[in-house]
Amino acid sequence: MENGNKFFLMLKSAGKTLFDFFRGRKKELLSEVRRLEAEREIISVKINETLKTLGESEARFAQMKENIIRQGELKKAEIINKAGEESIMIIEKARRNAEKELLEAKEKLRSDMIDQAFEIPLEKKHLK
């Protein structure tokens, strides 16, 4: 039985050492798990912040797009209005020029008719 006692004592001594080893290993593993969980939480927070920033960026992009479209529409309307005003001015200028030419033509015709009216009696006088 002496061998059995020695074995038991050796097992008891080794068991305590093994138990201490596993207890220490358990503490190390628990510490590593806590560290990993804390790291996971930090990463999760960063992901949420990134997603929030992305959402805000998308909202700003949509707002900028709306502003650009609105400004483009305003500029388009401004160009159309300006073109309309310019076309009215061009038409008005053409109307004034046509009236001026018509008036000049009437004056020339009147002048020519007056000249002819004076020339006819003079020609008759020379013919006699």
C-alpha atoms as a PDB file:
ATOM      1  CA  MET A   1       0.000   0.000   0.000  1.00  0.00           C
ATOM      2  CA  GLU A   2       2.970   2.104   0.362  1.00  0.00           C
ATOM      3  CA  ASN A   3       3.140   2.520  -3.420  1.00  0.00           C
ATOM      4  CA  GLY A   4      -0.531   3.485  -3.389  1.00  0.00           C
ATOM      5  CA  ASN A   5       0.114   6.122  -0.724  1.00  0.00           C
ATOM      6  CA  LYS A   6       3.061   7.487  -2.628  1.00  0.00           C
ATOM      7  CA  PHE A   7       0.956   7.654  -5.754  1.00  0.00           C
ATOM      8  CA  PHE A   8      -1.842   9.337  -3.854  1.00  0.00           C
ATOM      9  CA  LEU A   9       0.570  11.846  -2.314  1.00  0.00           C
ATOM     10  CA  MET A  10       2.157  12.462  -5.678  1.00  0.00           C
ATOM     11  CA  LEU A  11      -1.275  12.889  -7.242  1.00  0.00           C
ATOM     12  CA  LYS A  12      -2.322  15.124  -4.380  1.00  0.00           C
ATOM     13  CA  SER A  13       0.827  17.225  -4.783  1.00  0.00           C
ATOM     14  CA  ALA A  14       0.546  17.285  -8.577  1.00  0.00           C
ATOM     15  CA  GLY A  15      -3.197  17.909  -8.307  1.00  0.00           C
ATOM     16  CA  LYS A  16      -2.577  21.023  -6.247  1.00  0.00           C
ATOM     17  CA  THR A  17      -0.026  22.181  -8.805  1.00  0.00           C
ATOM     18  CA  LEU A  18      -2.404  21.364 -11.653  1.00  0.00           C
ATOM     19  CA  PHE A  19      -5.244  23.017  -9.785  1.00  0.00           C
ATOM     20  CA  ASP A  20      -3.107  26.148  -9.228  1.00  0.00           C
ATOM     21  CA  PHE A  21      -2.095  26.072 -12.905  1.00  0.00           C
ATOM     22  CA  PHE A  22      -5.702  25.831 -14.092  1.00  0.00           C
ATOM     23  CA  ARG A  23      -6.819  28.475 -11.590  1.00  0.00           C
ATOM     24  CA  GLY A  24      -4.116  30.836 -12.904  1.00  0.00           C
ATOM     25  CA  ARG A  25      -4.965  29.942 -16.490  1.00  0.00           C
ATOM     26  CA  LYS A  26      -8.658  30.563 -15.729  1.00  0.00           C
ATOM     27  CA  LYS A  27      -7.794  34.034 -14.397  1.00  0.00           C
ATOM     28  CA  GLU A  28      -5.693  34.741 -17.487  1.00  0.00           C
ATOM     29  CA  LEU A  29      -8.490  33.605 -19.780  1.00  0.00           C
ATOM     30  CA  LEU A  30     -11.092  35.632 -17.891  1.00  0.00           C
ATOM     31  CA  SER A  31      -8.838  38.660 -18.129  1.00  0.00           C
ATOM     32  CA  GLU A  32      -8.358  38.092 -21.880  1.00  0.00           C
ATOM     33  CA  VAL A  33     -12.136  37.653 -22.362  1.00  0.00           C
ATOM     34  CA  ARG A  34     -12.800  40.924 -20.493  1.00  0.00           C
ATOM     35  CA  ARG A  35     -10.156  42.706 -22.581  1.00  0.00           C
ATOM     36  CA  LEU A  36     -11.668  41.342 -25.809  1.00  0.00           C
ATOM     37  CA  GLU A  37     -15.191  42.297 -24.711  1.00  0.00           C
ATOM     38  CA  ALA A  38     -13.998  45.844 -23.918  1.00  0.00           C
ATOM     39  CA  GLU A  39     -12.263  46.003 -27.303  1.00  0.00           C
ATOM     40  CA  ARG A  40     -15.418  44.720 -28.993  1.00  0.00           C
ATOM     41  CA  GLU A  41     -17.452  47.420 -27.235  1.00  0.00           C
ATOM     42  CA  ILE A  42     -15.023  50.140 -28.377  1.00  0.00           C
ATOM     43  CA  ILE A  43     -15.166  48.836 -31.950  1.00  0.00           C
ATOM     44  CA  SER A  44     -18.963  48.673 -31.776  1.00  0.00           C
ATOM     45  CA  VAL A  45     -19.098  52.307 -30.614  1.00  0.00           C
ATOM     46  CA  LYS A  46     -16.752  53.333 -33.438  1.00  0.00           C
ATOM     47  CA  ILE A  47     -18.888  51.474 -35.995  1.00  0.00           C
ATOM     48  CA  ASN A  48     -22.030  53.206 -34.707  1.00  0.00           C
ATOM     49  CA  GLU A  49     -20.290  56.589 -34.858  1.00  0.00           C
ATOM     50  CA  THR A  50     -19.142  55.853 -38.403  1.00  0.00           C
ATOM     51  CA  LEU A  51     -22.646  54.828 -39.450  1.00  0.00           C
ATOM     52  CA  LYS A  52     -24.049  57.987 -37.863  1.00  0.00           C
ATOM     53  CA  THR A  53     -21.456  60.121 -39.678  1.00  0.00           C
ATOM     54  CA  LEU A  54     -22.248  58.339 -42.933  1.00  0.00           C
ATOM     55  CA  GLY A  55     -25.953  59.022 -42.449  1.00  0.00           C
ATOM     56  CA  GLU A  56     -25.243  62.676 -41.724  1.00  0.00           C
ATOM     57  CA  SER A  57     -22.995  62.873 -44.795  1.00  0.00           C
ATOM     58  CA  GLU A  58     -25.721  61.372 -46.961  1.00  0.00           C
ATOM     59  CA  ALA A  59     -28.212  63.909 -45.584  1.00  0.00           C
ATOM     60  CA  ARG A  60     -25.776  66.777 -46.267  1.00  0.00           C
ATOM     61  CA  PHE A  61     -25.151  65.425 -49.769  1.00  0.00           C
ATOM     62  CA  ALA A  62     -28.898  65.268 -50.441  1.00  0.00           C
ATOM     63  CA  GLN A  63     -29.295  68.845 -49.149  1.00  0.00           C
ATOM     64  CA  MET A  64     -26.387  70.058 -51.289  1.00  0.00           C
ATOM     65  CA  LYS A  65     -27.900  68.313 -54.308  1.00  0.00           C
ATOM     66  CA  GLU A  66     -31.253  70.010 -53.680  1.00  0.00           C
ATOM     67  CA  ASN A  67     -29.526  73.396 -53.295  1.00  0.00           C
ATOM     68  CA  ILE A  68     -27.581  72.942 -56.534  1.00  0.00           C
ATOM     69  CA  ILE A  69     -30.728  71.919 -58.410  1.00  0.00           C
ATOM     70  CA  ARG A  70     -32.665  74.868 -56.950  1.00  0.00           C
ATOM     71  CA  GLN A  71     -29.857  77.293 -57.864  1.00  0.00           C
ATOM     72  CA  GLY A  72     -29.732  75.787 -61.363  1.00  0.00           C
ATOM     73  CA  GLU A  73     -33.476  76.257 -61.782  1.00  0.00           C
ATOM     74  CA  LEU A  74     -33.214  79.873 -60.579  1.00  0.00           C
ATOM     75  CA  LYS A  75     -30.337  80.524 -62.990  1.00  0.00           C
ATOM     76  CA  LYS A  76     -32.306  78.904 -65.817  1.00  0.00           C
ATOM     77  CA  ALA A  77     -35.330  81.107 -65.063  1.00  0.00           C
ATOM     78  CA  GLU A  78     -33.056  84.161 -64.896  1.00  0.00           C
ATOM     79  CA  ILE A  79     -31.536  83.326 -68.294  1.00  0.00           C
ATOM     80  CA  ILE A  80     -34.984  82.765 -69.816  1.00  0.00           C
ATOM     81  CA  ASN A  81     -36.254  86.062 -68.389  1.00  0.00           C
ATOM     82  CA  LYS A  82     -33.184  87.920 -69.613  1.00  0.00           C
ATOM     83  CA  ALA A  83     -33.540  86.353 -73.065  1.00  0.00           C
ATOM     84  CA  GLY A  84     -37.208  87.367 -73.088  1.00  0.00           C
ATOM     85  CA  GLU A  85     -36.315  90.937 -72.138  1.00  0.00           C
ATOM     86  CA  GLU A  86     -33.582  91.046 -74.771  1.00  0.00           C
ATOM     87  CA  SER A  87     -35.931  89.703 -77.426  1.00  0.00           C
ATOM     88  CA  ILE A  88     -38.488  92.389 -76.522  1.00  0.00           C
ATOM     89  CA  MET A  89     -35.748  95.028 -76.814  1.00  0.00           C
ATOM     90  CA  ILE A  90     -34.619  93.596 -80.176  1.00  0.00           C
ATOM     91  CA  ILE A  91     -38.192  93.552 -81.477  1.00  0.00           C
ATOM     92  CA  GLU A  92     -38.767  97.106 -80.205  1.00  0.00           C
ATOM     93  CA  LYS A  93     -35.548  98.287 -81.856  1.00  0.00           C
ATOM     94  CA  ALA A  94     -36.534  96.572 -85.113  1.00  0.00           C
ATOM     95  CA  ARG A  95     -39.992  98.215 -84.899  1.00  0.00           C
ATOM     96  CA  ARG A  96     -38.419 101.649 -84.351  1.00  0.00           C
ATOM     97  CA  ASN A  97     -36.001 101.076 -87.238  1.00  0.00           C
ATOM     98  CA  ALA A  98     -38.867  99.980 -89.500  1.00  0.00           C
ATOM     99  CA  GLU A  99     -40.906 103.040 -88.495  1.00  0.00           C
ATOM    100  CA  LYS A 100     -37.887 105.276 -89.105  1.00  0.00           C
ATOM    101  CA  GLU A 101     -37.268 103.724 -92.536  1.00  0.00           C
ATOM    102  CA  LEU A 102     -40.953 104.054 -93.381  1.00  0.00           C
ATOM    103  CA  LEU A 103     -40.939 107.693 -92.289  1.00  0.00           C
ATOM    104  CA  GLU A 104     -37.767 108.330 -94.312  1.00  0.00           C
ATOM    105  CA  ALA A 105     -39.309 106.603 -97.321  1.00  0.00           C
ATOM    106  CA  LYS A 106     -42.476 108.743 -96.962  1.00  0.00           C
ATOM    107  CA  GLU A 107     -40.369 111.874 -96.674  1.00  0.00           C
ATOM    108  CA  LYS A 108     -38.350 110.901 -99.749  1.00  0.00           C
ATOM    109  CA  LEU A 109     -41.524 110.095-101.665  1.00  0.00           C
ATOM    110  CA  ARG A 110     -43.084 113.409-100.611  1.00  0.00           C
ATOM    111  CA  SER A 111     -39.901 115.245-101.540  1.00  0.00           C
ATOM    112  CA  ASP A 112     -39.732 113.457-104.882  1.00  0.00           C
ATOM    113  CA  MET A 113     -43.418 114.217-105.544  1.00  0.00           C
ATOM    114  CA  ILE A 114     -42.905 117.887-104.686  1.00  0.00           C
ATOM    115  CA  ASP A 115     -39.842 118.006-106.924  1.00  0.00           C
ATOM    116  CA  GLN A 116     -41.799 116.384-109.724  1.00  0.00           C
ATOM    117  CA  ALA A 117     -44.702 118.718-109.143  1.00  0.00           C
ATOM    118  CA  PHE A 118     -42.396 121.699-109.667  1.00  0.00           C
ATOM    119  CA  GLU A 119     -40.598 120.096-112.595  1.00  0.00           C
ATOM    120  CA  ILE A 120     -43.751 119.419-114.608  1.00  0.00           C
ATOM    121  CA  PRO A 121     -44.735 123.097-114.962  1.00  0.00           C
ATOM    122  CA  LEU A 122     -41.127 123.984-115.657  1.00  0.00           C
ATOM    123  CA  GLU A 123     -40.915 121.356-118.384  1.00  0.00           C
ATOM    124  CA  LYS A 124     -44.165 122.606-119.904  1.00  0.00           C
ATOM    125  CA  LYS A 125     -42.806 126.117-119.827  1.00  0.00           C
ATOM    126  CA  HIS A 126     -39.644 125.010-121.612  1.00  0.00           C
ATOM    127  CA  LEU A 127     -41.640 123.083-124.124  1.00  0.00           C
ATOM    128  CA  LYS A 128     -43.653 126.079-125.149  1.00  0.00           C
END
